[in-house]
Amino acid sequence: MADKTLTRMDLSEAVFREVGLSRNESAQLVESVLEHMSDALVNGEQVKISSFGTFSVRSKSARVGRNPKTGEEVPINPRRVLTFRPSHLMKDRVASGNKS
């Protein structure tokens, strides 16, 4: 596995190189896109990116969990969790290791 992590800076640098915006404009564009995605998810909307995948928020109900070390029952509060479901194209691309 690669130890490299893709960061906001990497994304804005790619926009700078590929689109030709200034570095500041590229960084603002990346921030704007991420903010729009975050806002949509906070409002309970799905974010679908074609050929990439779907981000969605799922509500999990309260349940009783168990501490694996002691066996003690512990209540788990209801919560909202972020899920990502990759598209079939993304799954195939990752499985084959194809970078193009």
PDB file of N, CA and C in Angstrom:
ATOM      1  N   MET A   1       0.837  -1.186   0.000  1.00  0.00           N
ATOM      2  CA  MET A   1       0.000   0.000   0.000  1.00  0.00           C
ATOM      3  C   MET A   1       0.882   1.249   0.000  1.00  0.00           C
ATOM      4  N   ALA A   2       0.396   2.273  -0.658  1.00  0.00           N
ATOM      5  CA  ALA A   2       1.137   3.527  -0.707  1.00  0.00           C
ATOM      6  C   ALA A   2       0.944   4.284   0.604  1.00  0.00           C
ATOM      7  N   ASP A   3       1.992   4.975   1.029  1.00  0.00           N
ATOM      8  CA  ASP A   3       1.918   5.757   2.258  1.00  0.00           C
ATOM      9  C   ASP A   3       1.471   7.181   1.989  1.00  0.00           C
ATOM     10  N   LYS A   4       1.258   7.547   0.729  1.00  0.00           N
ATOM     11  CA  LYS A   4       0.885   8.900   0.335  1.00  0.00           C
ATOM     12  C   LYS A   4      -0.573   9.175   0.660  1.00  0.00           C
ATOM     13  N   THR A   5      -0.841  10.368   1.156  1.00  0.00           N
ATOM     14  CA  THR A   5      -2.196  10.821   1.442  1.00  0.00           C
ATOM     15  C   THR A   5      -2.494  12.029   0.572  1.00  0.00           C
ATOM     16  N   LEU A   6      -3.644  12.021  -0.097  1.00  0.00           N
ATOM     17  CA  LEU A   6      -4.064  13.153  -0.919  1.00  0.00           C
ATOM     18  C   LEU A   6      -4.672  14.214  -0.006  1.00  0.00           C
ATOM     19  N   THR A   7      -4.136  15.429  -0.063  1.00  0.00           N
ATOM     20  CA  THR A   7      -4.585  16.508   0.819  1.00  0.00           C
ATOM     21  C   THR A   7      -5.276  17.611   0.012  1.00  0.00           C
ATOM     22  N   ARG A   8      -5.847  18.568   0.734  1.00  0.00           N
ATOM     23  CA  ARG A   8      -6.458  19.732   0.082  1.00  0.00           C
ATOM     24  C   ARG A   8      -5.430  20.467  -0.758  1.00  0.00           C
ATOM     25  N   MET A   9      -4.225  20.561  -0.240  1.00  0.00           N
ATOM     26  CA  MET A   9      -3.157  21.251  -0.965  1.00  0.00           C
ATOM     27  C   MET A   9      -2.856  20.537  -2.276  1.00  0.00           C
ATOM     28  N   ASP A  10      -2.843  19.203  -2.248  1.00  0.00           N
ATOM     29  CA  ASP A  10      -2.607  18.430  -3.473  1.00  0.00           C
ATOM     30  C   ASP A  10      -3.715  18.685  -4.489  1.00  0.00           C
ATOM     31  N   LEU A  11      -4.955  18.739  -4.017  1.00  0.00           N
ATOM     32  CA  LEU A  11      -6.075  18.995  -4.916  1.00  0.00           C
ATOM     33  C   LEU A  11      -5.986  20.389  -5.531  1.00  0.00           C
ATOM     34  N   SER A  12      -5.690  21.390  -4.707  1.00  0.00           N
ATOM     35  CA  SER A  12      -5.598  22.753  -5.241  1.00  0.00           C
ATOM     36  C   SER A  12      -4.406  22.888  -6.189  1.00  0.00           C
ATOM     37  N   GLU A  13      -3.329  22.167  -5.926  1.00  0.00           N
ATOM     38  CA  GLU A  13      -2.169  22.186  -6.822  1.00  0.00           C
ATOM     39  C   GLU A  13      -2.535  21.550  -8.169  1.00  0.00           C
ATOM     40  N   ALA A  14      -3.324  20.476  -8.134  1.00  0.00           N
ATOM     41  CA  ALA A  14      -3.768  19.825  -9.377  1.00  0.00           C
ATOM     42  C   ALA A  14      -4.671  20.761 -10.178  1.00  0.00           C
ATOM     43  N   VAL A  15      -5.559  21.483  -9.498  1.00  0.00           N
ATOM     44  CA  VAL A  15      -6.417  22.455 -10.184  1.00  0.00           C
ATOM     45  C   VAL A  15      -5.553  23.547 -10.790  1.00  0.00           C
ATOM     46  N   PHE A  16      -4.569  24.008 -10.048  1.00  0.00           N
ATOM     47  CA  PHE A  16      -3.648  25.036 -10.540  1.00  0.00           C
ATOM     48  C   PHE A  16      -2.966  24.576 -11.836  1.00  0.00           C
ATOM     49  N   ARG A  17      -2.460  23.341 -11.850  1.00  0.00           N
ATOM     50  CA  ARG A  17      -1.744  22.824 -13.029  1.00  0.00           C
ATOM     51  C   ARG A  17      -2.685  22.529 -14.195  1.00  0.00           C
ATOM     52  N   GLU A  18      -3.821  21.904 -13.918  1.00  0.00           N
ATOM     53  CA  GLU A  18      -4.709  21.433 -14.987  1.00  0.00           C
ATOM     54  C   GLU A  18      -5.602  22.535 -15.559  1.00  0.00           C
ATOM     55  N   VAL A  19      -6.115  23.403 -14.692  1.00  0.00           N
ATOM     56  CA  VAL A  19      -7.085  24.407 -15.136  1.00  0.00           C
ATOM     57  C   VAL A  19      -6.417  25.733 -15.457  1.00  0.00           C
ATOM     58  N   GLY A  20      -5.359  26.044 -14.734  1.00  0.00           N
ATOM     59  CA  GLY A  20      -4.653  27.284 -15.008  1.00  0.00           C
ATOM     60  C   GLY A  20      -5.081  28.450 -14.142  1.00  0.00           C
ATOM     61  N   LEU A  21      -5.885  28.207 -13.116  1.00  0.00           N
ATOM     62  CA  LEU A  21      -6.217  29.269 -12.170  1.00  0.00           C
ATOM     63  C   LEU A  21      -4.990  29.571 -11.320  1.00  0.00           C
ATOM     64  N   SER A  22      -5.007  30.725 -10.663  1.00  0.00           N
ATOM     65  CA  SER A  22      -3.900  31.029  -9.758  1.00  0.00           C
ATOM     66  C   SER A  22      -3.957  30.062  -8.574  1.00  0.00           C
ATOM     67  N   ARG A  23      -2.870  30.017  -7.820  1.00  0.00           N
ATOM     68  CA  ARG A  23      -2.853  29.108  -6.662  1.00  0.00           C
ATOM     69  C   ARG A  23      -3.928  29.491  -5.648  1.00  0.00           C
ATOM     70  N   ASN A  24      -4.115  30.791  -5.414  1.00  0.00           N
ATOM     71  CA  ASN A  24      -5.146  31.239  -4.470  1.00  0.00           C
ATOM     72  C   ASN A  24      -6.538  30.879  -4.969  1.00  0.00           C
ATOM     73  N   GLU A  25      -6.799  31.118  -6.254  1.00  0.00           N
ATOM     74  CA  GLU A  25      -8.105  30.787  -6.821  1.00  0.00           C
ATOM     75  C   GLU A  25      -8.351  29.277  -6.787  1.00  0.00           C
ATOM     76  N   SER A  26      -7.310  28.500  -7.039  1.00  0.00           N
ATOM     77  CA  SER A  26      -7.425  27.045  -6.994  1.00  0.00           C
ATOM     78  C   SER A  26      -7.770  26.571  -5.590  1.00  0.00           C
ATOM     79  N   ALA A  27      -7.100  27.137  -4.601  1.00  0.00           N
ATOM     80  CA  ALA A  27      -7.367  26.765  -3.205  1.00  0.00           C
ATOM     81  C   ALA A  27      -8.797  27.157  -2.821  1.00  0.00           C
ATOM     82  N   GLN A  28      -9.239  28.331  -3.263  1.00  0.00           N
ATOM     83  CA  GLN A  28     -10.601  28.776  -2.970  1.00  0.00           C
ATOM     84  C   GLN A  28     -11.631  27.871  -3.640  1.00  0.00           C
ATOM     85  N   LEU A  29     -11.353  27.430  -4.857  1.00  0.00           N
ATOM     86  CA  LEU A  29     -12.260  26.538  -5.570  1.00  0.00           C
ATOM     87  C   LEU A  29     -12.401  25.203  -4.838  1.00  0.00           C
ATOM     88  N   VAL A  30     -11.285  24.622  -4.427  1.00  0.00           N
ATOM     89  CA  VAL A  30     -11.312  23.351  -3.697  1.00  0.00           C
ATOM     90  C   VAL A  30     -12.080  23.526  -2.380  1.00  0.00           C
ATOM     91  N   GLU A  31     -11.810  24.589  -1.655  1.00  0.00           N
ATOM     92  CA  GLU A  31     -12.515  24.860  -0.397  1.00  0.00           C
ATOM     93  C   GLU A  31     -14.011  25.007  -0.626  1.00  0.00           C
ATOM     94  N   SER A  32     -14.384  25.702  -1.690  1.00  0.00           N
ATOM     95  CA  SER A  32     -15.792  25.915  -2.008  1.00  0.00           C
ATOM     96  C   SER A  32     -16.498  24.594  -2.309  1.00  0.00           C
ATOM     97  N   VAL A  33     -15.863  23.736  -3.093  1.00  0.00           N
ATOM     98  CA  VAL A  33     -16.455  22.436  -3.425  1.00  0.00           C
ATOM     99  C   VAL A  33     -16.626  21.594  -2.166  1.00  0.00           C
ATOM    100  N   LEU A  34     -15.601  21.532  -1.339  1.00  0.00           N
ATOM    101  CA  LEU A  34     -15.680  20.746  -0.109  1.00  0.00           C
ATOM    102  C   LEU A  34     -16.738  21.309   0.847  1.00  0.00           C
ATOM    103  N   GLU A  35     -16.854  22.627   0.899  1.00  0.00           N
ATOM    104  CA  GLU A  35     -17.853  23.250   1.760  1.00  0.00           C
ATOM    105  C   GLU A  35     -19.267  22.942   1.270  1.00  0.00           C
ATOM    106  N   HIS A  36     -19.482  22.979  -0.055  1.00  0.00           N
ATOM    107  CA  HIS A  36     -20.799  22.640  -0.604  1.00  0.00           C
ATOM    108  C   HIS A  36     -21.152  21.182  -0.294  1.00  0.00           C
ATOM    109  N   MET A  37     -20.171  20.300  -0.429  1.00  0.00           N
ATOM    110  CA  MET A  37     -20.406  18.889  -0.120  1.00  0.00           C
ATOM    111  C   MET A  37     -20.748  18.719   1.363  1.00  0.00           C
ATOM    112  N   SER A  38     -19.993  19.351   2.234  1.00  0.00           N
ATOM    113  CA  SER A  38     -20.227  19.257   3.679  1.00  0.00           C
ATOM    114  C   SER A  38     -21.596  19.790   4.058  1.00  0.00           C
ATOM    115  N   ASP A  39     -21.970  20.939   3.500  1.00  0.00           N
ATOM    116  CA  ASP A  39     -23.267  21.539   3.803  1.00  0.00           C
ATOM    117  C   ASP A  39     -24.406  20.614   3.383  1.00  0.00           C
ATOM    118  N   ALA A  40     -24.283  20.015   2.205  1.00  0.00           N
ATOM    119  CA  ALA A  40     -25.319  19.103   1.719  1.00  0.00           C
ATOM    120  C   ALA A  40     -25.453  17.909   2.655  1.00  0.00           C
ATOM    121  N   LEU A  41     -24.338  17.354   3.090  1.00  0.00           N
ATOM    122  CA  LEU A  41     -24.370  16.200   3.988  1.00  0.00           C
ATOM    123  C   LEU A  41     -24.953  16.560   5.351  1.00  0.00           C
ATOM    124  N   VAL A  42     -24.613  17.725   5.871  1.00  0.00           N
ATOM    125  CA  VAL A  42     -25.163  18.176   7.148  1.00  0.00           C
ATOM    126  C   VAL A  42     -26.681  18.308   7.051  1.00  0.00           C
ATOM    127  N   ASN A  43     -27.172  18.720   5.874  1.00  0.00           N
ATOM    128  CA  ASN A  43     -28.614  18.870   5.659  1.00  0.00           C
ATOM    129  C   ASN A  43     -29.299  17.553   5.313  1.00  0.00           C
ATOM    130  N   GLY A  44     -28.553  16.456   5.345  1.00  0.00           N
ATOM    131  CA  GLY A  44     -29.139  15.144   5.093  1.00  0.00           C
ATOM    132  C   GLY A  44     -29.251  14.764   3.629  1.00  0.00           C
ATOM    133  N   GLU A  45     -28.655  15.550   2.736  1.00  0.00           N
ATOM    134  CA  GLU A  45     -28.699  15.248   1.313  1.00  0.00           C
ATOM    135  C   GLU A  45     -27.581  14.274   0.942  1.00  0.00           C
ATOM    136  N   GLN A  46     -27.789  13.555  -0.166  1.00  0.00           N
ATOM    137  CA  GLN A  46     -26.731  12.696  -0.703  1.00  0.00           C
ATOM    138  C   GLN A  46     -25.852  13.532  -1.617  1.00  0.00           C
ATOM    139  N   VAL A  47     -24.572  13.155  -1.703  1.00  0.00           N
ATOM    140  CA  VAL A  47     -23.655  13.788  -2.643  1.00  0.00           C
ATOM    141  C   VAL A  47     -23.196  12.699  -3.601  1.00  0.00           C
ATOM    142  N   LYS A  48     -23.640  12.799  -4.866  1.00  0.00           N
ATOM    143  CA  LYS A  48     -23.281  11.812  -5.880  1.00  0.00           C
ATOM    144  C   LYS A  48     -22.294  12.428  -6.848  1.00  0.00           C
ATOM    145  N   ILE A  49     -21.169  11.750  -7.023  1.00  0.00           N
ATOM    146  CA  ILE A  49     -20.160  12.194  -7.974  1.00  0.00           C
ATOM    147  C   ILE A  49     -20.020  11.074  -8.997  1.00  0.00           C
ATOM    148  N   SER A  50     -20.416  11.367 -10.224  1.00  0.00           N
ATOM    149  CA  SER A  50     -20.438  10.370 -11.286  1.00  0.00           C
ATOM    150  C   SER A  50     -19.079   9.706 -11.445  1.00  0.00           C
ATOM    151  N   SER A  51     -19.078   8.403 -11.627  1.00  0.00           N
ATOM    152  CA  SER A  51     -17.875   7.578 -11.803  1.00  0.00           C
ATOM    153  C   SER A  51     -16.968   7.554 -10.572  1.00  0.00           C
ATOM    154  N   PHE A  52     -17.435   8.103  -9.461  1.00  0.00           N
ATOM    155  CA  PHE A  52     -16.640   8.096  -8.239  1.00  0.00           C
ATOM    156  C   PHE A  52     -17.387   7.385  -7.121  1.00  0.00           C
ATOM    157  N   GLY A  53     -18.538   7.948  -6.718  1.00  0.00           N
ATOM    158  CA  GLY A  53     -19.317   7.306  -5.673  1.00  0.00           C
ATOM    159  C   GLY A  53     -20.323   8.240  -5.052  1.00  0.00           C
ATOM    160  N   THR A  54     -20.967   7.760  -3.988  1.00  0.00           N
ATOM    161  CA  THR A  54     -22.024   8.500  -3.308  1.00  0.00           C
ATOM    162  C   THR A  54     -21.715   8.604  -1.817  1.00  0.00           C
ATOM    163  N   PHE A  55     -21.749   9.831  -1.313  1.00  0.00           N
ATOM    164  CA  PHE A  55     -21.634  10.085   0.118  1.00  0.00           C
ATOM    165  C   PHE A  55     -23.050  10.280   0.644  1.00  0.00           C
ATOM    166  N   SER A  56     -23.364   9.691   1.784  1.00  0.00           N
ATOM    167  CA  SER A  56     -24.679   9.899   2.378  1.00  0.00           C
ATOM    168  C   SER A  56     -24.569   9.811   3.897  1.00  0.00           C
ATOM    169  N   VAL A  57     -25.591  10.344   4.557  1.00  0.00           N
ATOM    170  CA  VAL A  57     -25.654  10.315   6.014  1.00  0.00           C
ATOM    171  C   VAL A  57     -26.733   9.318   6.402  1.00  0.00           C
ATOM    172  N   ARG A  58     -26.395   8.435   7.320  1.00  0.00           N
ATOM    173  CA  ARG A  58     -27.327   7.408   7.764  1.00  0.00           C
ATOM    174  C   ARG A  58     -27.579   7.603   9.251  1.00  0.00           C
ATOM    175  N   SER A  59     -28.836   7.460   9.639  1.00  0.00           N
ATOM    176  CA  SER A  59     -29.188   7.567  11.060  1.00  0.00           C
ATOM    177  C   SER A  59     -29.179   6.180  11.676  1.00  0.00           C
ATOM    178  N   LYS A  60     -28.436   6.036  12.751  1.00  0.00           N
ATOM    179  CA  LYS A  60     -28.385   4.757  13.465  1.00  0.00           C
ATOM    180  C   LYS A  60     -29.161   4.918  14.760  1.00  0.00           C
ATOM    181  N   SER A  61     -29.969   3.948  15.057  1.00  0.00           N
ATOM    182  CA  SER A  61     -30.792   4.026  16.263  1.00  0.00           C
ATOM    183  C   SER A  61     -29.984   3.611  17.492  1.00  0.00           C
ATOM    184  N   ALA A  62     -30.557   3.894  18.642  1.00  0.00           N
ATOM    185  CA  ALA A  62     -29.911   3.509  19.903  1.00  0.00           C
ATOM    186  C   ALA A  62     -29.904   1.989  20.015  1.00  0.00           C
ATOM    187  N   ARG A  63     -28.891   1.479  20.668  1.00  0.00           N
ATOM    188  CA  ARG A  63     -28.806   0.031  20.867  1.00  0.00           C
ATOM    189  C   ARG A  63     -27.951  -0.242  22.088  1.00  0.00           C
ATOM    190  N   VAL A  64     -27.946  -1.489  22.497  1.00  0.00           N
ATOM    191  CA  VAL A  64     -27.130  -1.888  23.638  1.00  0.00           C
ATOM    192  C   VAL A  64     -25.874  -2.563  23.092  1.00  0.00           C
ATOM    193  N   GLY A  65     -24.726  -2.048  23.497  1.00  0.00           N
ATOM    194  CA  GLY A  65     -23.452  -2.637  23.108  1.00  0.00           C
ATOM    195  C   GLY A  65     -22.852  -3.369  24.289  1.00  0.00           C
ATOM    196  N   ARG A  66     -21.736  -3.989  24.040  1.00  0.00           N
ATOM    197  CA  ARG A  66     -21.098  -4.751  25.105  1.00  0.00           C
ATOM    198  C   ARG A  66     -19.595  -4.440  25.114  1.00  0.00           C
ATOM    199  N   ASN A  67     -19.077  -4.155  26.291  1.00  0.00           N
ATOM    200  CA  ASN A  67     -17.648  -3.952  26.445  1.00  0.00           C
ATOM    201  C   ASN A  67     -16.977  -5.316  26.272  1.00  0.00           C
ATOM    202  N   PRO A  68     -16.134  -5.470  25.232  1.00  0.00           N
ATOM    203  CA  PRO A  68     -15.549  -6.787  24.982  1.00  0.00           C
ATOM    204  C   PRO A  68     -14.619  -7.279  26.081  1.00  0.00           C
ATOM    205  N   LYS A  69     -14.048  -6.367  26.838  1.00  0.00           N
ATOM    206  CA  LYS A  69     -13.108  -6.764  27.882  1.00  0.00           C
ATOM    207  C   LYS A  69     -13.828  -7.268  29.135  1.00  0.00           C
ATOM    208  N   THR A  70     -14.881  -6.543  29.525  1.00  0.00           N
ATOM    209  CA  THR A  70     -15.569  -6.883  30.773  1.00  0.00           C
ATOM    210  C   THR A  70     -16.898  -7.593  30.550  1.00  0.00           C
ATOM    211  N   GLY A  71     -17.446  -7.489  29.340  1.00  0.00           N
ATOM    212  CA  GLY A  71     -18.747  -8.081  29.063  1.00  0.00           C
ATOM    213  C   GLY A  71     -19.899  -7.226  29.558  1.00  0.00           C
ATOM    214  N   GLU A  72     -19.588  -6.065  30.104  1.00  0.00           N
ATOM    215  CA  GLU A  72     -20.615  -5.169  30.639  1.00  0.00           C
ATOM    216  C   GLU A  72     -21.418  -4.553  29.497  1.00  0.00           C
ATOM    217  N   GLU A  73     -22.754  -4.505  29.665  1.00  0.00           N
ATOM    218  CA  GLU A  73     -23.613  -3.883  28.663  1.00  0.00           C
ATOM    219  C   GLU A  73     -23.531  -2.371  28.794  1.00  0.00           C
ATOM    220  N   VAL A  74     -23.432  -1.704  27.631  1.00  0.00           N
ATOM    221  CA  VAL A  74     -23.300  -0.252  27.601  1.00  0.00           C
ATOM    222  C   VAL A  74     -24.285   0.291  26.565  1.00  0.00           C
ATOM    223  N   PRO A  75     -25.094   1.296  26.930  1.00  0.00           N
ATOM    224  CA  PRO A  75     -26.011   1.865  25.942  1.00  0.00           C
ATOM    225  C   PRO A  75     -25.237   2.704  24.912  1.00  0.00           C
ATOM    226  N   ILE A  76     -25.588   2.532  23.643  1.00  0.00           N
ATOM    227  CA  ILE A  76     -24.993   3.331  22.567  1.00  0.00           C
ATOM    228  C   ILE A  76     -26.082   4.270  22.066  1.00  0.00           C
ATOM    229  N   ASN A  77     -25.823   5.558  22.130  1.00  0.00           N
ATOM    230  CA  ASN A  77     -26.808   6.574  21.772  1.00  0.00           C
ATOM    231  C   ASN A  77     -27.072   6.595  20.267  1.00  0.00           C
ATOM    232  N   PRO A  78     -28.257   7.079  19.858  1.00  0.00           N
ATOM    233  CA  PRO A  78     -28.521   7.222  18.422  1.00  0.00           C
ATOM    234  C   PRO A  78     -27.576   8.269  17.838  1.00  0.00           C
ATOM    235  N   ARG A  79     -27.204   8.088  16.588  1.00  0.00           N
ATOM    236  CA  ARG A  79     -26.262   9.023  15.979  1.00  0.00           C
ATOM    237  C   ARG A  79     -26.397   8.994  14.466  1.00  0.00           C
ATOM    238  N   ARG A  80     -25.793   9.981  13.834  1.00  0.00           N
ATOM    239  CA  ARG A  80     -25.743  10.042  12.369  1.00  0.00           C
ATOM    240  C   ARG A  80     -24.323   9.724  11.945  1.00  0.00           C
ATOM    241  N   VAL A  81     -24.189   8.867  10.936  1.00  0.00           N
ATOM    242  CA  VAL A  81     -22.854   8.491  10.463  1.00  0.00           C
ATOM    243  C   VAL A  81     -22.751   8.761   8.967  1.00  0.00           C
ATOM    244  N   LEU A  82     -21.558   9.113   8.538  1.00  0.00           N
ATOM    245  CA  LEU A  82     -21.276   9.366   7.136  1.00  0.00           C
ATOM    246  C   LEU A  82     -20.878   8.062   6.469  1.00  0.00           C
ATOM    247  N   THR A  83     -21.477   7.768   5.324  1.00  0.00           N
ATOM    248  CA  THR A  83     -21.116   6.566   4.583  1.00  0.00           C
ATOM    249  C   THR A  83     -20.698   6.957   3.169  1.00  0.00           C
ATOM    250  N   PHE A  84     -19.841   6.141   2.589  1.00  0.00           N
ATOM    251  CA  PHE A  84     -19.422   6.327   1.200  1.00  0.00           C
ATOM    252  C   PHE A  84     -19.596   5.015   0.476  1.00  0.00           C
ATOM    253  N   ARG A  85     -20.243   5.089  -0.680  1.00  0.00           N
ATOM    254  CA  ARG A  85     -20.429   3.911  -1.507  1.00  0.00           C
ATOM    255  C   ARG A  85     -19.785   4.170  -2.857  1.00  0.00           C
ATOM    256  N   PRO A  86     -18.677   3.489  -3.146  1.00  0.00           N
ATOM    257  CA  PRO A  86     -17.992   3.745  -4.421  1.00  0.00           C
ATOM    258  C   PRO A  86     -18.805   3.234  -5.605  1.00  0.00           C
ATOM    259  N   SER A  87     -18.631   3.901  -6.759  1.00  0.00           N
ATOM    260  CA  SER A  87     -19.293   3.455  -7.977  1.00  0.00           C
ATOM    261  C   SER A  87     -18.617   2.179  -8.476  1.00  0.00           C
ATOM    262  N   HIS A  88     -19.291   1.474  -9.372  1.00  0.00           N
ATOM    263  CA  HIS A  88     -18.695   0.257  -9.939  1.00  0.00           C
ATOM    264  C   HIS A  88     -17.416   0.579 -10.699  1.00  0.00           C
ATOM    265  N   LEU A  89     -17.393   1.715 -11.382  1.00  0.00           N
ATOM    266  CA  LEU A  89     -16.177   2.118 -12.110  1.00  0.00           C
ATOM    267  C   LEU A  89     -15.015   2.322 -11.149  1.00  0.00           C
ATOM    268  N   MET A  90     -15.287   2.959 -10.002  1.00  0.00           N
ATOM    269  CA  MET A  90     -14.227   3.194  -9.015  1.00  0.00           C
ATOM    270  C   MET A  90     -13.770   1.879  -8.407  1.00  0.00           C
ATOM    271  N   LYS A  91     -14.717   0.986  -8.109  1.00  0.00           N
ATOM    272  CA  LYS A  91     -14.348  -0.323  -7.558  1.00  0.00           C
ATOM    273  C   LYS A  91     -13.449  -1.073  -8.526  1.00  0.00           C
ATOM    274  N   ASP A  92     -13.829  -1.088  -9.810  1.00  0.00           N
ATOM    275  CA  ASP A  92     -13.035  -1.781 -10.818  1.00  0.00           C
ATOM    276  C   ASP A  92     -11.652  -1.153 -10.962  1.00  0.00           C
ATOM    277  N   ARG A  93     -11.607   0.162 -10.935  1.00  0.00           N
ATOM    278  CA  ARG A  93     -10.333   0.862 -11.099  1.00  0.00           C
ATOM    279  C   ARG A  93      -9.379   0.570  -9.939  1.00  0.00           C
ATOM    280  N   VAL A  94      -9.910   0.584  -8.721  1.00  0.00           N
ATOM    281  CA  VAL A  94      -9.094   0.301  -7.541  1.00  0.00           C
ATOM    282  C   VAL A  94      -8.638  -1.151  -7.549  1.00  0.00           C
ATOM    283  N   ALA A  95      -9.553  -2.050  -7.914  1.00  0.00           N
ATOM    284  CA  ALA A  95      -9.213  -3.480  -7.925  1.00  0.00           C
ATOM    285  C   ALA A  95      -8.105  -3.789  -8.919  1.00  0.00           C
ATOM    286  N   SER A  96      -8.118  -3.107 -10.057  1.00  0.00           N
ATOM    287  CA  SER A  96      -7.103  -3.388 -11.078  1.00  0.00           C
ATOM    288  C   SER A  96      -5.833  -2.586 -10.870  1.00  0.00           C
ATOM    289  N   GLY A  97      -5.881  -1.564 -10.017  1.00  0.00           N
ATOM    290  CA  GLY A  97      -4.700  -0.741  -9.770  1.00  0.00           C
ATOM    291  C   GLY A  97      -4.408   0.196 -10.920  1.00  0.00           C
ATOM    292  N   ASN A  98      -5.385   0.399 -11.799  1.00  0.00           N
ATOM    293  CA  ASN A  98      -5.208   1.250 -12.983  1.00  0.00           C
ATOM    294  C   ASN A  98      -5.253   2.714 -12.581  1.00  0.00           C
ATOM    295  N   LYS A  99      -4.259   3.483 -12.978  1.00  0.00           N
ATOM    296  CA  LYS A  99      -4.189   4.890 -12.601  1.00  0.00           C
ATOM    297  C   LYS A  99      -4.652   5.821 -13.708  1.00  0.00           C
ATOM    298  N   SER A 100      -5.084   5.299 -14.830  1.00  0.00           N
ATOM    299  CA  SER A 100      -5.492   6.180 -15.929  1.00  0.00           C
ATOM    300  C   SER A 100      -6.974   6.414 -15.939  1.00  0.00           C
TER     301      SER A 100
END
